[in-house]
C-alpha atoms as a PDB file:
ATOM      1  CA  MET A   1      46.087  44.835  43.673  1.00  0.00           C
ATOM      2  CA  ASP A   2      42.407  45.527  44.002  1.00  0.00           C
ATOM      3  CA  PHE A   3      41.203  43.799  47.616  1.00  0.00           C
ATOM      4  CA  GLU A   4      37.382  43.542  47.956  1.00  0.00           C
ATOM      5  CA  LYS A   5      36.126  43.085  51.517  1.00  0.00           C
ATOM      6  CA  ASN A   6      33.690  40.828  53.045  1.00  0.00           C
ATOM      7  CA  ILE A   7      32.190  39.451  49.928  1.00  0.00           C
ATOM      8  CA  SER A   8      29.865  36.490  49.535  1.00  0.00           C
ATOM      9  CA  LEU A   9      31.449  33.202  48.619  1.00  0.00           C
ATOM     10  CA  ARG A  10      28.425  31.027  47.914  1.00  0.00           C
ATOM     11  CA  LYS A  11      28.244  31.422  44.028  1.00  0.00           C
ATOM     12  CA  LEU A  12      32.683  30.537  44.494  1.00  0.00           C
ATOM     13  CA  ASN A  13      32.128  27.291  46.102  1.00  0.00           C
ATOM     14  CA  THR A  14      29.962  24.565  43.874  1.00  0.00           C
ATOM     15  CA  PHE A  15      28.778  23.635  47.506  1.00  0.00           C
ATOM     16  CA  GLY A  16      26.716  26.647  47.636  1.00  0.00           C
ATOM     17  CA  ILE A  17      27.449  27.180  50.929  1.00  0.00           C
ATOM     18  CA  ASP A  18      26.973  30.546  51.978  1.00  0.00           C
ATOM     19  CA  VAL A  19      29.633  32.300  53.979  1.00  0.00           C
ATOM     20  CA  LYS A  20      31.381  35.367  53.635  1.00  0.00           C
ATOM     21  CA  CYS A  21      35.559  35.691  53.691  1.00  0.00           C
ATOM     22  CA  LYS A  22      37.232  39.246  54.950  1.00  0.00           C
ATOM     23  CA  LEU A  23      39.527  39.995  52.248  1.00  0.00           C
ATOM     24  CA  TYR A  24      39.186  39.009  48.378  1.00  0.00           C
ATOM     25  CA  CYS A  25      41.417  38.960  45.632  1.00  0.00           C
ATOM     26  CA  LYS A  26      42.081  37.536  41.713  1.00  0.00           C
ATOM     27  CA  VAL A  27      45.421  36.823  40.182  1.00  0.00           C
ATOM     28  CA  LYS A  28      45.405  36.414  36.308  1.00  0.00           C
ATOM     29  CA  SER A  29      49.371  36.269  36.431  1.00  0.00           C
ATOM     30  CA  VAL A  30      52.490  34.926  38.071  1.00  0.00           C
ATOM     31  CA  GLU A  31      53.886  38.692  38.386  1.00  0.00           C
ATOM     32  CA  GLU A  32      49.960  39.124  39.895  1.00  0.00           C
ATOM     33  CA  VAL A  33      50.846  36.651  42.686  1.00  0.00           C
ATOM     34  CA  ILE A  34      54.219  37.879  43.707  1.00  0.00           C
ATOM     35  CA  SER A  35      52.385  41.191  44.032  1.00  0.00           C
ATOM     36  CA  VAL A  36      49.863  39.916  46.273  1.00  0.00           C
ATOM     37  CA  ILE A  37      52.224  37.659  48.303  1.00  0.00           C
ATOM     38  CA  ASN A  38      54.323  40.830  49.057  1.00  0.00           C
ATOM     39  CA  SER A  39      51.043  43.121  49.811  1.00  0.00           C
ATOM     40  CA  GLU A  40      50.245  44.287  53.557  1.00  0.00           C
ATOM     41  CA  GLU A  41      47.187  42.247  52.872  1.00  0.00           C
ATOM     42  CA  TYR A  42      48.650  39.301  52.777  1.00  0.00           C
ATOM     43  CA  LYS A  43      51.195  39.461  55.315  1.00  0.00           C
ATOM     44  CA  ASN A  44      48.469  40.786  58.064  1.00  0.00           C
ATOM     45  CA  ASN A  45      45.925  37.680  57.405  1.00  0.00           C
ATOM     46  CA  SER A  46      45.854  33.850  57.010  1.00  0.00           C
ATOM     47  CA  HIS A  47      44.815  32.926  53.101  1.00  0.00           C
ATOM     48  CA  LEU A  48      43.417  30.491  50.966  1.00  0.00           C
ATOM     49  CA  ILE A  49      44.069  29.923  47.428  1.00  0.00           C
ATOM     50  CA  LEU A  50      40.898  29.411  45.680  1.00  0.00           C
ATOM     51  CA  SER A  51      40.806  27.787  42.305  1.00  0.00           C
ATOM     52  CA  GLY A  52      37.172  26.716  40.830  1.00  0.00           C
ATOM     53  CA  GLY A  53      36.081  25.993  44.524  1.00  0.00           C
ATOM     54  CA  SER A  54      34.799  22.685  42.843  1.00  0.00           C
ATOM     55  CA  ASN A  55      36.664  20.358  46.026  1.00  0.00           C
ATOM     56  CA  VAL A  56      36.101  22.834  49.439  1.00  0.00           C
ATOM     57  CA  LEU A  57      33.623  23.033  52.484  1.00  0.00           C
ATOM     58  CA  PHE A  58      33.447  26.171  54.245  1.00  0.00           C
ATOM     59  CA  LEU A  59      32.066  25.571  57.804  1.00  0.00           C
ATOM     60  CA  LYS A  60      32.222  29.361  58.550  1.00  0.00           C
ATOM     61  CA  ASP A  61      33.003  32.334  57.591  1.00  0.00           C
ATOM     62  CA  TYR A  62      36.895  32.884  56.185  1.00  0.00           C
ATOM     63  CA  GLU A  63      38.462  35.422  58.577  1.00  0.00           C
ATOM     64  CA  GLY A  64      41.632  35.753  56.161  1.00  0.00           C
ATOM     65  CA  LEU A  65      42.757  36.880  52.359  1.00  0.00           C
ATOM     66  CA  ILE A  66      40.899  34.380  49.379  1.00  0.00           C
ATOM     67  CA  ILE A  67      43.137  34.713  46.186  1.00  0.00           C
ATOM     68  CA  GLN A  68      41.231  33.446  43.560  1.00  0.00           C
ATOM     69  CA  ASN A  69      43.498  31.837  41.014  1.00  0.00           C
ATOM     70  CA  GLU A  70      42.758  33.129  37.387  1.00  0.00           C
ATOM     71  CA  ILE A  71      45.907  32.224  35.347  1.00  0.00           C
ATOM     72  CA  LYS A  72      44.879  31.146  31.944  1.00  0.00           C
ATOM     73  CA  GLY A  73      46.590  30.193  28.702  1.00  0.00           C
ATOM     74  CA  LYS A  74      47.526  26.962  26.886  1.00  0.00           C
ATOM     75  CA  GLU A  75      50.764  27.027  25.088  1.00  0.00           C
ATOM     76  CA  ILE A  76      52.512  23.786  23.003  1.00  0.00           C
ATOM     77  CA  ILE A  77      55.856  23.588  24.628  1.00  0.00           C
ATOM     78  CA  GLU A  78      56.842  20.705  22.657  1.00  0.00           C
ATOM     79  CA  GLU A  79      55.592  18.233  19.844  1.00  0.00           C
ATOM     80  CA  LYS A  80      56.881  14.689  19.645  1.00  0.00           C
ATOM     81  CA  SER A  81      56.544  12.105  17.089  1.00  0.00           C
ATOM     82  CA  GLU A  82      53.903  10.396  19.587  1.00  0.00           C
ATOM     83  CA  SER A  83      52.602  13.117  21.857  1.00  0.00           C
ATOM     84  CA  THR A  84      52.378  16.707  22.585  1.00  0.00           C
ATOM     85  CA  ILE A  85      53.306  18.542  25.605  1.00  0.00           C
ATOM     86  CA  LEU A  86      51.428  21.401  26.948  1.00  0.00           C
ATOM     87  CA  ARG A  87      51.541  24.176  29.289  1.00  0.00           C
ATOM     88  CA  VAL A  88      48.019  24.977  30.935  1.00  0.00           C
ATOM     89  CA  GLY A  89      47.479  28.128  33.556  1.00  0.00           C
ATOM     90  CA  ALA A  90      45.627  26.466  36.358  1.00  0.00           C
ATOM     91  CA  GLY A  91      42.375  28.754  36.298  1.00  0.00           C
ATOM     92  CA  GLU A  92      41.817  27.045  33.099  1.00  0.00           C
ATOM     93  CA  ASN A  93      38.089  25.167  33.140  1.00  0.00           C
ATOM     94  CA  TRP A  94      39.522  21.422  33.191  1.00  0.00           C
ATOM     95  CA  HIS A  95      36.311  20.032  31.527  1.00  0.00           C
ATOM     96  CA  GLN A  96      36.768  22.852  28.471  1.00  0.00           C
ATOM     97  CA  PHE A  97      40.436  21.993  28.624  1.00  0.00           C
ATOM     98  CA  VAL A  98      39.343  18.311  28.160  1.00  0.00           C
ATOM     99  CA  LEU A  99      37.608  19.201  25.275  1.00  0.00           C
ATOM    100  CA  TRP A 100      40.258  21.584  23.440  1.00  0.00           C
ATOM    101  CA  SER A 101      42.497  18.440  23.706  1.00  0.00           C
ATOM    102  CA  ILE A 102      40.128  16.186  22.304  1.00  0.00           C
ATOM    103  CA  LYS A 103      39.323  18.906  19.429  1.00  0.00           C
ATOM    104  CA  ASN A 104      43.367  18.510  18.833  1.00  0.00           C
ATOM    105  CA  GLY A 105      43.212  15.392  18.068  1.00  0.00           C
ATOM    106  CA  LEU A 106      44.997  14.684  21.815  1.00  0.00           C
ATOM    107  CA  SER A 107      44.027  11.291  23.719  1.00  0.00           C
ATOM    108  CA  GLY A 108      44.294  10.676  27.572  1.00  0.00           C
ATOM    109  CA  LEU A 109      41.798  12.782  29.419  1.00  0.00           C
ATOM    110  CA  GLU A 110      38.803  11.986  27.757  1.00  0.00           C
ATOM    111  CA  ASN A 111      37.696   9.446  30.701  1.00  0.00           C
ATOM    112  CA  MET A 112      38.051  12.655  32.909  1.00  0.00           C
ATOM    113  CA  ALA A 113      35.396  14.546  30.752  1.00  0.00           C
ATOM    114  CA  LEU A 114      32.729  17.094  32.890  1.00  0.00           C
ATOM    115  CA  ILE A 115      35.418  16.966  36.405  1.00  0.00           C
ATOM    116  CA  PRO A 116      34.349  19.983  38.364  1.00  0.00           C
ATOM    117  CA  GLY A 117      36.995  21.855  38.890  1.00  0.00           C
ATOM    118  CA  ASN A 118      40.167  24.235  37.442  1.00  0.00           C
ATOM    119  CA  VAL A 119      43.567  22.677  35.761  1.00  0.00           C
ATOM    120  CA  GLY A 120      45.199  23.968  39.094  1.00  0.00           C
ATOM    121  CA  ALA A 121      43.226  21.537  41.145  1.00  0.00           C
ATOM    122  CA  SER A 122      43.821  18.174  39.343  1.00  0.00           C
ATOM    123  CA  PRO A 123      47.552  17.445  40.232  1.00  0.00           C
ATOM    124  CA  MET A 124      46.542  18.394  43.710  1.00  0.00           C
ATOM    125  CA  GLN A 125      43.871  15.851  44.110  1.00  0.00           C
ATOM    126  CA  ASN A 126      45.255  13.529  41.045  1.00  0.00           C
ATOM    127  CA  ILE A 127      41.338  13.586  39.832  1.00  0.00           C
ATOM    128  CA  GLY A 128      40.847  10.808  38.101  1.00  0.00           C
ATOM    129  CA  ALA A 129      37.513   8.774  36.857  1.00  0.00           C
ATOM    130  CA  TYR A 130      36.922   5.288  34.905  1.00  0.00           C
ATOM    131  CA  GLY A 131      40.362   3.639  35.113  1.00  0.00           C
ATOM    132  CA  VAL A 132      42.356   6.739  34.444  1.00  0.00           C
ATOM    133  CA  GLU A 133      44.467   9.034  36.725  1.00  0.00           C
ATOM    134  CA  VAL A 134      45.693  12.684  35.840  1.00  0.00           C
ATOM    135  CA  LYS A 135      48.937  11.921  37.323  1.00  0.00           C
ATOM    136  CA  ASP A 136      49.719   9.571  34.478  1.00  0.00           C
ATOM    137  CA  PHE A 137      49.382  12.569  32.075  1.00  0.00           C
ATOM    138  CA  ILE A 138      51.417  15.305  33.829  1.00  0.00           C
ATOM    139  CA  VAL A 139      54.831  16.129  33.535  1.00  0.00           C
ATOM    140  CA  SER A 140      55.544  18.630  35.916  1.00  0.00           C
ATOM    141  CA  VAL A 141      53.867  21.534  37.883  1.00  0.00           C
ATOM    142  CA  GLU A 142      54.847  25.075  37.865  1.00  0.00           C
ATOM    143  CA  GLY A 143      54.022  27.509  40.718  1.00  0.00           C
ATOM    144  CA  VAL A 144      55.172  30.280  43.383  1.00  0.00           C
ATOM    145  CA  ASN A 145      56.479  29.465  46.731  1.00  0.00           C
ATOM    146  CA  LEU A 146      54.668  31.421  49.023  1.00  0.00           C
ATOM    147  CA  ASP A 147      57.521  31.563  51.980  1.00  0.00           C
ATOM    148  CA  THR A 148      60.255  32.239  49.602  1.00  0.00           C
ATOM    149  CA  LYS A 149      58.395  34.262  46.520  1.00  0.00           C
ATOM    150  CA  LYS A 150      60.293  31.970  43.956  1.00  0.00           C
ATOM    151  CA  SER A 151      58.879  30.135  40.833  1.00  0.00           C
ATOM    152  CA  PHE A 152      59.637  26.463  41.239  1.00  0.00           C
ATOM    153  CA  ILE A 153      58.868  23.722  38.783  1.00  0.00           C
ATOM    154  CA  LEU A 154      57.997  20.154  40.448  1.00  0.00           C
ATOM    155  CA  LYS A 155      58.808  16.899  38.144  1.00  0.00           C
ATOM    156  CA  ASN A 156      55.916  14.257  38.153  1.00  0.00           C
ATOM    157  CA  SER A 157      58.115  11.919  40.237  1.00  0.00           C
ATOM    158  CA  ASP A 158      58.163  14.936  42.834  1.00  0.00           C
ATOM    159  CA  CYS A 159      54.763  15.352  42.939  1.00  0.00           C
ATOM    160  CA  ASN A 160      53.921  11.979  45.073  1.00  0.00           C
ATOM    161  CA  PHE A 161      51.369  11.215  43.660  1.00  0.00           C
ATOM    162  CA  GLU A 162      48.889   8.208  45.092  1.00  0.00           C
ATOM    163  CA  TYR A 163      45.557   7.718  44.925  1.00  0.00           C
ATOM    164  CA  ARG A 164      43.819  11.043  44.815  1.00  0.00           C
ATOM    165  CA  ASP A 165      46.570  12.346  47.165  1.00  0.00           C
ATOM    166  CA  SER A 166      49.755  14.230  46.098  1.00  0.00           C
ATOM    167  CA  ILE A 167      53.120  16.330  48.308  1.00  0.00           C
ATOM    168  CA  PHE A 168      50.454  19.360  47.399  1.00  0.00           C
ATOM    169  CA  LYS A 169      47.756  18.197  50.283  1.00  0.00           C
ATOM    170  CA  HIS A 170      50.638  17.327  52.677  1.00  0.00           C
ATOM    171  CA  GLU A 171      54.205  18.558  52.558  1.00  0.00           C
ATOM    172  CA  LEU A 172      53.440  21.583  50.269  1.00  0.00           C
ATOM    173  CA  LYS A 173      49.743  22.249  51.909  1.00  0.00           C
ATOM    174  CA  GLU A 174      49.369  25.973  51.888  1.00  0.00           C
ATOM    175  CA  LYS A 175      52.578  26.513  51.020  1.00  0.00           C
ATOM    176  CA  ILE A 176      52.768  27.296  47.436  1.00  0.00           C
ATOM    177  CA  ILE A 177      50.135  28.272  44.566  1.00  0.00           C
ATOM    178  CA  ILE A 178      49.920  26.386  41.451  1.00  0.00           C
ATOM    179  CA  THR A 179      50.366  28.685  38.169  1.00  0.00           C
ATOM    180  CA  HIS A 180      50.768  26.102  35.634  1.00  0.00           C
ATOM    181  CA  VAL A 181      50.228  22.643  35.042  1.00  0.00           C
ATOM    182  CA  ASN A 182      52.457  21.085  31.806  1.00  0.00           C
ATOM    183  CA  PHE A 183      50.588  17.900  29.974  1.00  0.00           C
ATOM    184  CA  GLU A 184      51.958  15.327  27.731  1.00  0.00           C
ATOM    185  CA  LEU A 185      48.735  13.517  25.715  1.00  0.00           C
ATOM    186  CA  SER A 186      49.220  11.114  22.793  1.00  0.00           C
ATOM    187  CA  LYS A 187      48.753  12.007  18.811  1.00  0.00           C
ATOM    188  CA  THR A 188      46.950   8.299  18.871  1.00  0.00           C
ATOM    189  CA  PRO A 189      43.936   7.450  20.862  1.00  0.00           C
ATOM    190  CA  ILE A 190      44.353   5.410  24.027  1.00  0.00           C
ATOM    191  CA  ASN A 191      40.959   4.221  23.863  1.00  0.00           C
ATOM    192  CA  ASN A 192      40.726   2.999  27.828  1.00  0.00           C
ATOM    193  CA  THR A 193      37.335   1.772  27.813  1.00  0.00           C
ATOM    194  CA  LYS A 194      38.658  -0.766  30.601  1.00  0.00           C
ATOM    195  CA  TYR A 195      35.308   0.561  32.910  1.00  0.00           C
ATOM    196  CA  GLY A 196      32.739  -1.837  31.733  1.00  0.00           C
ATOM    197  CA  ALA A 197      29.839   1.448  31.997  1.00  0.00           C
ATOM    198  CA  ILE A 198      32.167   3.014  29.141  1.00  0.00           C
ATOM    199  CA  LYS A 199      31.914   0.029  26.326  1.00  0.00           C
ATOM    200  CA  GLU A 200      27.905  -0.337  26.951  1.00  0.00           C
ATOM    201  CA  GLU A 201      27.816   3.250  26.270  1.00  0.00           C
ATOM    202  CA  ILE A 202      29.596   3.521  22.923  1.00  0.00           C
ATOM    203  CA  ARG A 203      27.485   0.838  21.858  1.00  0.00           C
ATOM    204  CA  SER A 204      24.309   2.539  22.531  1.00  0.00           C
ATOM    205  CA  LEU A 205      25.431   5.364  20.888  1.00  0.00           C
ATOM    206  CA  GLY A 206      25.846   3.470  17.742  1.00  0.00           C
ATOM    207  CA  LEU A 207      29.748   4.900  17.660  1.00  0.00           C
ATOM    208  CA  PRO A 208      33.016   3.468  16.908  1.00  0.00           C
ATOM    209  CA  VAL A 209      35.533   4.059  19.821  1.00  0.00           C
ATOM    210  CA  SER A 210      37.389   7.153  19.903  1.00  0.00           C
ATOM    211  CA  ALA A 211      38.219  10.037  22.315  1.00  0.00           C
ATOM    212  CA  GLU A 212      35.706  11.706  21.130  1.00  0.00           C
ATOM    213  CA  SER A 213      32.963   8.648  21.650  1.00  0.00           C
ATOM    214  CA  ILE A 214      34.689   8.303  25.061  1.00  0.00           C
ATOM    215  CA  CYS A 215      33.688  11.888  25.993  1.00  0.00           C
ATOM    216  CA  LYS A 216      30.463  11.649  24.803  1.00  0.00           C
ATOM    217  CA  ALA A 217      29.753   8.343  26.882  1.00  0.00           C
ATOM    218  CA  VAL A 218      31.828   9.606  30.134  1.00  0.00           C
ATOM    219  CA  ILE A 219      29.731  13.335  29.607  1.00  0.00           C
ATOM    220  CA  ASN A 220      26.139  10.908  29.676  1.00  0.00           C
ATOM    221  CA  ILE A 221      26.670   8.849  32.442  1.00  0.00           C
ATOM    222  CA  ARG A 222      27.906  11.515  34.850  1.00  0.00           C
ATOM    223  CA  THR A 223      25.032  13.569  33.817  1.00  0.00           C
ATOM    224  CA  ARG A 224      22.379  11.002  34.526  1.00  0.00           C
ATOM    225  CA  LYS A 225      24.675   9.985  37.859  1.00  0.00           C
ATOM    226  CA  LEU A 226      25.850  13.339  38.937  1.00  0.00           C
ATOM    227  CA  PRO A 227      24.114  16.372  39.609  1.00  0.00           C
ATOM    228  CA  ASN A 228      24.780  19.803  37.700  1.00  0.00           C
ATOM    229  CA  PRO A 229      26.262  22.095  40.953  1.00  0.00           C
ATOM    230  CA  GLU A 230      24.619  24.942  38.688  1.00  0.00           C
ATOM    231  CA  VAL A 231      21.317  23.513  39.931  1.00  0.00           C
ATOM    232  CA  ILE A 232      22.187  21.767  43.571  1.00  0.00           C
ATOM    233  CA  GLY A 233      24.994  22.905  45.199  1.00  0.00           C
ATOM    234  CA  ASN A 234      27.703  19.742  45.384  1.00  0.00           C
ATOM    235  CA  ILE A 235      31.498  18.701  44.699  1.00  0.00           C
ATOM    236  CA  GLY A 236      30.552  15.701  43.093  1.00  0.00           C
ATOM    237  CA  SER A 237      32.086  12.786  44.688  1.00  0.00           C
ATOM    238  CA  PHE A 238      32.349  13.691  48.548  1.00  0.00           C
ATOM    239  CA  PHE A 239      34.050  10.414  49.485  1.00  0.00           C
ATOM    240  CA  LYS A 240      37.050   8.524  47.946  1.00  0.00           C
ATOM    241  CA  ASN A 241      36.768   4.622  47.362  1.00  0.00           C
ATOM    242  CA  PRO A 242      38.599   3.019  50.547  1.00  0.00           C
ATOM    243  CA  VAL A 243      41.480   0.755  49.126  1.00  0.00           C
ATOM    244  CA  ILE A 244      41.834  -2.173  51.547  1.00  0.00           C
ATOM    245  CA  SER A 245      43.710  -5.534  51.728  1.00  0.00           C
ATOM    246  CA  THR A 246      42.101  -8.291  49.002  1.00  0.00           C
ATOM    247  CA  SER A 247      42.293 -10.542  52.071  1.00  0.00           C
ATOM    248  CA  ASP A 248      39.890  -7.857  53.839  1.00  0.00           C
ATOM    249  CA  PHE A 249      37.446  -8.027  50.844  1.00  0.00           C
ATOM    250  CA  LEU A 250      37.171 -11.121  49.888  1.00  0.00           C
ATOM    251  CA  LYS A 251      36.405 -12.185  53.834  1.00  0.00           C
ATOM    252  CA  THR A 252      33.646  -9.368  53.462  1.00  0.00           C
ATOM    253  CA  GLN A 253      32.888 -10.276  50.088  1.00  0.00           C
ATOM    254  CA  LYS A 254      31.454 -13.915  51.717  1.00  0.00           C
ATOM    255  CA  GLN A 255      29.002 -11.691  53.696  1.00  0.00           C
ATOM    256  CA  PHE A 256      28.079  -9.606  51.180  1.00  0.00           C
ATOM    257  CA  SER A 257      28.539 -11.042  47.416  1.00  0.00           C
ATOM    258  CA  GLU A 258      27.514  -8.113  45.543  1.00  0.00           C
ATOM    259  CA  ILE A 259      30.021  -6.143  46.856  1.00  0.00           C
ATOM    260  CA  VAL A 260      31.753  -3.842  44.241  1.00  0.00           C
ATOM    261  CA  GLY A 261      35.850  -3.728  43.915  1.00  0.00           C
ATOM    262  CA  TYR A 262      38.492  -3.249  41.536  1.00  0.00           C
ATOM    263  CA  LYS A 263      41.693  -5.157  42.283  1.00  0.00           C
ATOM    264  CA  VAL A 264      44.958  -2.043  42.514  1.00  0.00           C
ATOM    265  CA  SER A 265      47.868  -4.430  43.253  1.00  0.00           C
ATOM    266  CA  GLU A 266      48.695  -8.128  44.092  1.00  0.00           C
ATOM    267  CA  THR A 267      47.773  -7.275  47.520  1.00  0.00           C
ATOM    268  CA  GLU A 268      44.849  -4.313  47.477  1.00  0.00           C
ATOM    269  CA  THR A 269      41.663  -3.698  46.471  1.00  0.00           C
ATOM    270  CA  LYS A 270      39.707  -0.576  45.453  1.00  0.00           C
ATOM    271  CA  VAL A 271      35.915  -0.716  47.139  1.00  0.00           C
ATOM    272  CA  ALA A 272      33.012   1.544  45.483  1.00  0.00           C
ATOM    273  CA  ALA A 273      32.305   3.588  48.290  1.00  0.00           C
ATOM    274  CA  GLY A 274      28.921   4.618  46.596  1.00  0.00           C
ATOM    275  CA  TRP A 275      27.792   1.183  46.890  1.00  0.00           C
ATOM    276  CA  LEU A 276      28.589   1.088  50.608  1.00  0.00           C
ATOM    277  CA  ILE A 277      27.112   4.249  50.890  1.00  0.00           C
ATOM    278  CA  ASP A 278      23.834   3.164  49.189  1.00  0.00           C
ATOM    279  CA  GLN A 279      23.685  -0.410  51.331  1.00  0.00           C
ATOM    280  CA  CYS A 280      23.437   1.623  54.346  1.00  0.00           C
ATOM    281  CA  GLY A 281      20.604   3.259  52.858  1.00  0.00           C
ATOM    282  CA  TRP A 282      21.337   6.839  52.260  1.00  0.00           C
ATOM    283  CA  LYS A 283      20.622   7.264  48.659  1.00  0.00           C
ATOM    284  CA  GLY A 284      17.955  10.114  48.613  1.00  0.00           C
ATOM    285  CA  TYR A 285      18.495  10.822  51.973  1.00  0.00           C
ATOM    286  CA  ARG A 286      18.003  14.590  53.619  1.00  0.00           C
ATOM    287  CA  LYS A 287      17.976  16.586  56.792  1.00  0.00           C
ATOM    288  CA  GLY A 288      17.112  19.900  56.478  1.00  0.00           C
ATOM    289  CA  ASP A 289      18.853  20.803  53.099  1.00  0.00           C
ATOM    290  CA  ALA A 290      22.097  19.038  53.879  1.00  0.00           C
ATOM    291  CA  GLY A 291      21.634  15.357  51.825  1.00  0.00           C
ATOM    292  CA  VAL A 292      22.479  12.769  50.100  1.00  0.00           C
ATOM    293  CA  HIS A 293      21.509  12.671  45.916  1.00  0.00           C
ATOM    294  CA  LYS A 294      18.667  10.238  44.736  1.00  0.00           C
ATOM    295  CA  ASN A 295      21.090   8.464  41.989  1.00  0.00           C
ATOM    296  CA  GLN A 296      24.519   8.683  43.063  1.00  0.00           C
ATOM    297  CA  ALA A 297      24.771   7.841  46.949  1.00  0.00           C
ATOM    298  CA  LEU A 298      28.339   9.291  46.530  1.00  0.00           C
ATOM    299  CA  VAL A 299      27.417  12.924  45.945  1.00  0.00           C
ATOM    300  CA  LEU A 300      25.913  14.629  49.257  1.00  0.00           C
ATOM    301  CA  VAL A 301      23.836  18.072  48.130  1.00  0.00           C
ATOM    302  CA  ASN A 302      23.166  21.213  49.222  1.00  0.00           C
ATOM    303  CA  HIS A 303      19.015  21.620  48.698  1.00  0.00           C
ATOM    304  CA  GLY A 304      19.225  25.183  49.089  1.00  0.00           C
ATOM    305  CA  ASN A 305      20.724  26.187  52.360  1.00  0.00           C
ATOM    306  CA  ALA A 306      22.392  23.512  54.528  1.00  0.00           C
ATOM    307  CA  THR A 307      25.820  25.155  56.323  1.00  0.00           C
ATOM    308  CA  GLY A 308      28.831  23.610  56.022  1.00  0.00           C
ATOM    309  CA  GLU A 309      28.375  22.103  59.619  1.00  0.00           C
ATOM    310  CA  GLU A 310      25.210  20.270  58.339  1.00  0.00           C
ATOM    311  CA  ILE A 311      26.811  18.768  55.441  1.00  0.00           C
ATOM    312  CA  ILE A 312      29.956  17.726  57.465  1.00  0.00           C
ATOM    313  CA  SER A 313      27.558  16.614  59.709  1.00  0.00           C
ATOM    314  CA  LEU A 314      25.546  14.082  57.825  1.00  0.00           C
ATOM    315  CA  SER A 315      29.217  12.766  56.594  1.00  0.00           C
ATOM    316  CA  LYS A 316      30.316  11.492  59.651  1.00  0.00           C
ATOM    317  CA  GLU A 317      27.123   9.376  60.158  1.00  0.00           C
ATOM    318  CA  ILE A 318      27.150   8.210  56.762  1.00  0.00           C
ATOM    319  CA  GLN A 319      30.879   7.136  57.527  1.00  0.00           C
ATOM    320  CA  GLN A 320      29.871   5.726  60.849  1.00  0.00           C
ATOM    321  CA  SER A 321      27.276   3.894  59.191  1.00  0.00           C
ATOM    322  CA  VAL A 322      29.263   2.079  56.621  1.00  0.00           C
ATOM    323  CA  LYS A 323      32.161   0.992  59.526  1.00  0.00           C
ATOM    324  CA  ASN A 324      29.019  -0.718  61.441  1.00  0.00           C
ATOM    325  CA  LYS A 325      28.150  -2.589  58.558  1.00  0.00           C
ATOM    326  CA  PHE A 326      31.021  -3.116  56.588  1.00  0.00           C
ATOM    327  CA  GLU A 327      33.732  -2.360  58.671  1.00  0.00           C
ATOM    328  CA  ILE A 328      35.536  -0.183  56.485  1.00  0.00           C
ATOM    329  CA  ASP A 329      36.317   3.109  56.789  1.00  0.00           C
ATOM    330  CA  ILE A 330      35.689   5.602  53.938  1.00  0.00           C
ATOM    331  CA  HIS A 331      37.176   9.264  54.156  1.00  0.00           C
ATOM    332  CA  PRO A 332      36.320  12.633  52.338  1.00  0.00           C
ATOM    333  CA  GLU A 333      37.628  14.219  49.074  1.00  0.00           C
ATOM    334  CA  VAL A 334      36.532  17.093  49.696  1.00  0.00           C
ATOM    335  CA  ASN A 335      38.995  20.226  51.432  1.00  0.00           C
ATOM    336  CA  ILE A 336      37.083  21.345  54.678  1.00  0.00           C
ATOM    337  CA  ILE A 337      37.917  24.767  55.718  1.00  0.00           C
ATOM    338  CA  GLY A 338      37.015  25.790  59.138  1.00  0.00           C
END
């Protein structure tokens, strides 16, 4: 394996934080993963698995080995009468995979178009958008245990999927590397348009409801609301939408009648964190090069040379102001490295 020294990570994290790592390498196969974890460079250093860099915030230089996951490939494992099971490399770009699935007549992922990052990060975060979560389409997750150096397959039911959460953020954090994700996608359109913005956008486009039109609508909405990381550093949504008891939501609603929430169970309601932050006056705020996006209060941005510490400091101010005004705790989605 080739190990590079003291390389800049600025272009390898979508926040564009200018930090370096002591050692760096790429892996493009399971065999290369095994080769790396058998190396002296791995054994003698702390390590971090980096995928698309779309959900990480570096607070300082990383004094260890960063392993970039570039395992590619898409293959059909099984054809069923109403669905197809696919095995997809963790290093595949998520959005490109969504477009590929639609082009090949498969439905399920279209609501999650334009989410930044790679396929391997999708089960870790249980990514989701517009009423859809990736857990509903994952059959299993493949990877390598970094301690035992053995391959594993985890069934969906073993991944402990919850809202923006999974076993990979807890019990298996920093203990495994995901190599492939297996998906089951529908051959007939699912057409999930329960989020009103999608219906309105499709109507404005003058298109019939389909996987293609839902995807186009989501791309249009996200492009208007969210900044392109290639233009301004960001990871998309910085905070998770908090889930609170419905009784607490109704109490808050009496004081703030326009609060935005979605019932997720008989007893719980998900509150729009972006609305909470916006109501506290943060949209468009800037301090130095750390700021809040002008169109979407849920997105923190790096205007050029912000440090990770400046971004996290701003996030804590936002959290406290939301707590003070609404008595609701909001928490970052981002993986903070420091």
